[in-house]
Each structure stands twice: as structure tokens, then as C-alpha cells.
Amino acid sequence: MATVLLVIHLMISAALVGVVLLQKSEGGALGIGGSGGGGGGFLTGRGTANLLTRTTAALAAAFFLTSIALTLLARHSGSAGSVFDTARPAGAPAAGPATPGESAPAGRGGILDKLQPPSGPAVPQNQ
């Protein structure tokens, strides 16, 4: 379900980018969809702008809906927690203190609690 929704979301994203690029810019120099030179054309300049504006609005609404749906799917189908909260493999050694005389840091045991402050200056200083 999530894969199908993700593919639809990506297709809507690509279509939205394409429709936005087809629109005539305010300056008139960057747009590809010109104002239509002929008088009896299928789409006049005003009709093209109106169609592209409505298409952009519809694609933007579909983009937001698929984004929300993907978020809700990921929230309810995924396991809660973080990759840092996973258990160690059975053969991995326990993280101990950096030196034998030093005690282990207090805390939950997360990744930041395992970092040790430097014992001395890292860069030599001039006297």
C-alpha cells in the first residue's frame, strides 16, 4: 500500500513540476507556454493560463493529500523508536570506560552518553 502511494506521490510531484514550468512567468521571459499567437487556436492565452492554474491547484492538493497519507501510513505501520535504541548484537562487547580508573558516564546509555570529553588539549598551544 505504501509503495503504491509513494509511486503515485512521485508521479504527482513530477507532473506538478512540469505544469509549473509550463506556466508563463510574470516577467514573460522564462515561460514556455506562450500567450498563443493565433486568433482561432484551440487554447487561447487566457484559456491556457486558466487551465494551467487549475491543473496546478489540483496537483498541489493531490500532493498534500498524498504527503499526509504517507505520513500517517509511516506513523502507524513503522515500529516506534530510533535506530540508536536497538539492542546490541550478542557478540558485541559492552562499552566500558575509556580508561581503567575512570567510571562510566551516567545516563540512559544512549549514543551521546558514550562520548568522552577529551582529557587534554587537542592542539598544542604556544607559551
C-alpha atoms as a PDB file:
ATOM      1  CA  MET A   1       0.000   0.000   0.000  1.00  0.00           C
ATOM      2  CA  ALA A   2       2.742   2.422   0.939  1.00  0.00           C
ATOM      3  CA  THR A   3       4.716   1.595  -2.212  1.00  0.00           C
ATOM      4  CA  VAL A   4       1.726   2.272  -4.476  1.00  0.00           C
ATOM      5  CA  LEU A   5       1.018   5.540  -2.683  1.00  0.00           C
ATOM      6  CA  LEU A   6       4.675   6.531  -2.929  1.00  0.00           C
ATOM      7  CA  VAL A   7       4.725   5.895  -6.693  1.00  0.00           C
ATOM      8  CA  ILE A   8       1.551   7.979  -7.110  1.00  0.00           C
ATOM      9  CA  HIS A   9       3.123  10.716  -4.970  1.00  0.00           C
ATOM     10  CA  LEU A  10       6.246  10.775  -7.154  1.00  0.00           C
ATOM     11  CA  MET A  11       4.172  10.942 -10.341  1.00  0.00           C
ATOM     12  CA  ILE A  12       2.136  13.836  -8.933  1.00  0.00           C
ATOM     13  CA  SER A  13       5.390  15.593  -7.950  1.00  0.00           C
ATOM     14  CA  ALA A  14       6.834  15.254 -11.458  1.00  0.00           C
ATOM     15  CA  ALA A  15       3.577  16.441 -13.040  1.00  0.00           C
ATOM     16  CA  LEU A  16       3.440  19.410 -10.656  1.00  0.00           C
ATOM     17  CA  VAL A  17       6.973  20.461 -11.581  1.00  0.00           C
ATOM     18  CA  GLY A  18       6.137  20.146 -15.281  1.00  0.00           C
ATOM     19  CA  VAL A  19       2.932  22.175 -15.024  1.00  0.00           C
ATOM     20  CA  VAL A  20       4.637  24.919 -13.023  1.00  0.00           C
ATOM     21  CA  LEU A  21       7.410  25.141 -15.630  1.00  0.00           C
ATOM     22  CA  LEU A  22       4.844  25.413 -18.427  1.00  0.00           C
ATOM     23  CA  GLN A  23       3.222  28.468 -16.897  1.00  0.00           C
ATOM     24  CA  LYS A  24       4.071  31.893 -18.183  1.00  0.00           C
ATOM     25  CA  SER A  25       6.157  33.882 -15.748  1.00  0.00           C
ATOM     26  CA  GLU A  26       5.240  37.366 -14.597  1.00  0.00           C
ATOM     27  CA  GLY A  27       8.175  38.838 -16.496  1.00  0.00           C
ATOM     28  CA  GLY A  28       7.262  36.889 -19.593  1.00  0.00           C
ATOM     29  CA  ALA A  29      10.831  35.856 -20.369  1.00  0.00           C
ATOM     30  CA  LEU A  30      11.044  32.449 -18.708  1.00  0.00           C
ATOM     31  CA  GLY A  31       7.736  30.754 -19.502  1.00  0.00           C
ATOM     32  CA  ILE A  32       7.482  28.045 -22.156  1.00  0.00           C
ATOM     33  CA  GLY A  33       3.706  28.203 -22.587  1.00  0.00           C
ATOM     34  CA  GLY A  34       3.418  31.354 -24.641  1.00  0.00           C
ATOM     35  CA  SER A  35       0.358  33.523 -24.958  1.00  0.00           C
ATOM     36  CA  GLY A  36      -0.773  31.924 -28.242  1.00  0.00           C
ATOM     37  CA  GLY A  37      -0.269  33.973 -31.370  1.00  0.00           C
ATOM     38  CA  GLY A  38      -3.251  32.908 -33.463  1.00  0.00           C
ATOM     39  CA  GLY A  39      -6.833  34.078 -33.190  1.00  0.00           C
ATOM     40  CA  GLY A  40      -8.699  30.768 -33.675  1.00  0.00           C
ATOM     41  CA  GLY A  41      -6.438  28.398 -31.791  1.00  0.00           C
ATOM     42  CA  PHE A  42      -7.616  25.546 -29.621  1.00  0.00           C
ATOM     43  CA  LEU A  43      -6.395  27.197 -26.429  1.00  0.00           C
ATOM     44  CA  THR A  44      -6.048  30.951 -26.278  1.00  0.00           C
ATOM     45  CA  GLY A  45      -3.555  32.626 -23.988  1.00  0.00           C
ATOM     46  CA  ARG A  46      -6.186  33.224 -21.338  1.00  0.00           C
ATOM     47  CA  GLY A  47      -7.585  29.688 -21.655  1.00  0.00           C
ATOM     48  CA  THR A  48      -4.122  28.148 -21.342  1.00  0.00           C
ATOM     49  CA  ALA A  49      -3.333  30.200 -18.241  1.00  0.00           C
ATOM     50  CA  ASN A  50      -6.666  29.280 -16.676  1.00  0.00           C
ATOM     51  CA  LEU A  51      -6.194  25.570 -17.452  1.00  0.00           C
ATOM     52  CA  LEU A  52      -2.634  25.545 -16.101  1.00  0.00           C
ATOM     53  CA  THR A  53      -3.682  27.401 -12.948  1.00  0.00           C
ATOM     54  CA  ARG A  54      -6.478  24.936 -12.246  1.00  0.00           C
ATOM     55  CA  THR A  55      -4.215  21.977 -13.027  1.00  0.00           C
ATOM     56  CA  THR A  56      -1.557  23.350 -10.670  1.00  0.00           C
ATOM     57  CA  ALA A  57      -4.115  23.771  -7.891  1.00  0.00           C
ATOM     58  CA  ALA A  58      -5.447  20.233  -8.373  1.00  0.00           C
ATOM     59  CA  LEU A  59      -1.958  18.712  -8.435  1.00  0.00           C
ATOM     60  CA  ALA A  60      -0.929  20.721  -5.362  1.00  0.00           C
ATOM     61  CA  ALA A  61      -3.990  19.462  -3.461  1.00  0.00           C
ATOM     62  CA  ALA A  62      -3.217  15.876  -4.538  1.00  0.00           C
ATOM     63  CA  PHE A  63       0.425  16.366  -3.477  1.00  0.00           C
ATOM     64  CA  PHE A  64      -0.605  17.492   0.004  1.00  0.00           C
ATOM     65  CA  LEU A  65      -3.109  14.664   0.371  1.00  0.00           C
ATOM     66  CA  THR A  66      -0.589  12.003  -0.629  1.00  0.00           C
ATOM     67  CA  SER A  67       2.012  13.580   1.673  1.00  0.00           C
ATOM     68  CA  ILE A  68      -0.377  13.400   4.619  1.00  0.00           C
ATOM     69  CA  ALA A  69      -1.401   9.847   3.716  1.00  0.00           C
ATOM     70  CA  LEU A  70       2.236   8.732   3.502  1.00  0.00           C
ATOM     71  CA  THR A  71       2.963  10.329   6.864  1.00  0.00           C
ATOM     72  CA  LEU A  72       0.023   8.590   8.501  1.00  0.00           C
ATOM     73  CA  LEU A  73       0.970   5.265   6.912  1.00  0.00           C
ATOM     74  CA  ALA A  74       4.563   5.550   8.115  1.00  0.00           C
ATOM     75  CA  ARG A  75       3.425   6.562  11.581  1.00  0.00           C
ATOM     76  CA  HIS A  76       1.092   3.606  12.074  1.00  0.00           C
ATOM     77  CA  SER A  77       2.951   0.886  10.216  1.00  0.00           C
ATOM     78  CA  GLY A  78       6.514   1.520  11.391  1.00  0.00           C
ATOM     79  CA  SER A  79       7.975   0.464  14.674  1.00  0.00           C
ATOM     80  CA  ALA A  80       8.331   3.176  17.245  1.00  0.00           C
ATOM     81  CA  GLY A  81      11.764   4.157  18.389  1.00  0.00           C
ATOM     82  CA  SER A  82      15.096   5.006  16.912  1.00  0.00           C
ATOM     83  CA  VAL A  83      17.952   3.085  15.360  1.00  0.00           C
ATOM     84  CA  PHE A  84      20.051   4.130  18.352  1.00  0.00           C
ATOM     85  CA  ASP A  85      17.627   2.390  20.740  1.00  0.00           C
ATOM     86  CA  THR A  86      18.153  -1.054  19.196  1.00  0.00           C
ATOM     87  CA  ALA A  87      19.788  -3.786  21.247  1.00  0.00           C
ATOM     88  CA  ARG A  88      23.454  -4.726  20.733  1.00  0.00           C
ATOM     89  CA  PRO A  89      24.256  -7.939  18.901  1.00  0.00           C
ATOM     90  CA  ALA A  90      25.064 -10.845  21.224  1.00  0.00           C
ATOM     91  CA  GLY A  91      28.788 -10.928  20.346  1.00  0.00           C
ATOM     92  CA  ALA A  92      29.401  -7.177  20.687  1.00  0.00           C
ATOM     93  CA  PRO A  93      31.474  -6.073  23.680  1.00  0.00           C
ATOM     94  CA  ALA A  94      29.900  -3.803  26.243  1.00  0.00           C
ATOM     95  CA  ALA A  95      31.032  -0.193  26.087  1.00  0.00           C
ATOM     96  CA  GLY A  96      33.093   0.442  29.186  1.00  0.00           C
ATOM     97  CA  PRO A  97      35.009   3.413  30.481  1.00  0.00           C
ATOM     98  CA  ALA A  98      37.721   4.917  28.300  1.00  0.00           C
ATOM     99  CA  THR A  99      40.448   4.261  30.884  1.00  0.00           C
ATOM    100  CA  PRO A 100      40.524   1.604  33.648  1.00  0.00           C
ATOM    101  CA  GLY A 101      40.366   4.086  36.538  1.00  0.00           C
ATOM    102  CA  GLU A 102      37.537   6.131  35.099  1.00  0.00           C
ATOM    103  CA  SER A 103      33.869   5.467  35.861  1.00  0.00           C
ATOM    104  CA  ALA A 104      31.208   5.047  33.181  1.00  0.00           C
ATOM    105  CA  PRO A 105      29.093   8.126  32.401  1.00  0.00           C
ATOM    106  CA  ALA A 106      25.651   8.375  33.990  1.00  0.00           C
ATOM    107  CA  GLY A 107      22.519   8.436  31.850  1.00  0.00           C
ATOM    108  CA  ARG A 108      20.292   6.184  29.775  1.00  0.00           C
ATOM    109  CA  GLY A 109      23.151   4.690  27.839  1.00  0.00           C
ATOM    110  CA  GLY A 110      22.398   6.485  24.590  1.00  0.00           C
ATOM    111  CA  ILE A 111      24.943   7.351  21.921  1.00  0.00           C
ATOM    112  CA  LEU A 112      25.665  10.782  23.420  1.00  0.00           C
ATOM    113  CA  ASP A 113      26.282   9.304  26.867  1.00  0.00           C
ATOM    114  CA  LYS A 114      29.059   7.112  25.443  1.00  0.00           C
ATOM    115  CA  LEU A 115      31.102  10.107  24.228  1.00  0.00           C
ATOM    116  CA  GLN A 116      34.006  11.023  26.478  1.00  0.00           C
ATOM    117  CA  PRO A 117      35.345  14.565  26.857  1.00  0.00           C
ATOM    118  CA  PRO A 118      38.976  14.992  25.771  1.00  0.00           C
ATOM    119  CA  SER A 119      41.466  14.586  28.614  1.00  0.00           C
ATOM    120  CA  GLY A 120      43.832  17.316  27.436  1.00  0.00           C
ATOM    121  CA  PRO A 121      44.191  19.978  24.776  1.00  0.00           C
ATOM    122  CA  ALA A 122      43.920  18.541  21.277  1.00  0.00           C
ATOM    123  CA  VAL A 123      46.020  21.306  19.721  1.00  0.00           C
ATOM    124  CA  PRO A 124      49.454  22.257  21.079  1.00  0.00           C
ATOM    125  CA  GLN A 125      49.433  25.749  22.493  1.00  0.00           C
ATOM    126  CA  ASN A 126      52.286  28.249  22.278  1.00  0.00           C
ATOM    127  CA  GLN A 127      53.680  29.510  25.592  1.00  0.00           C
END
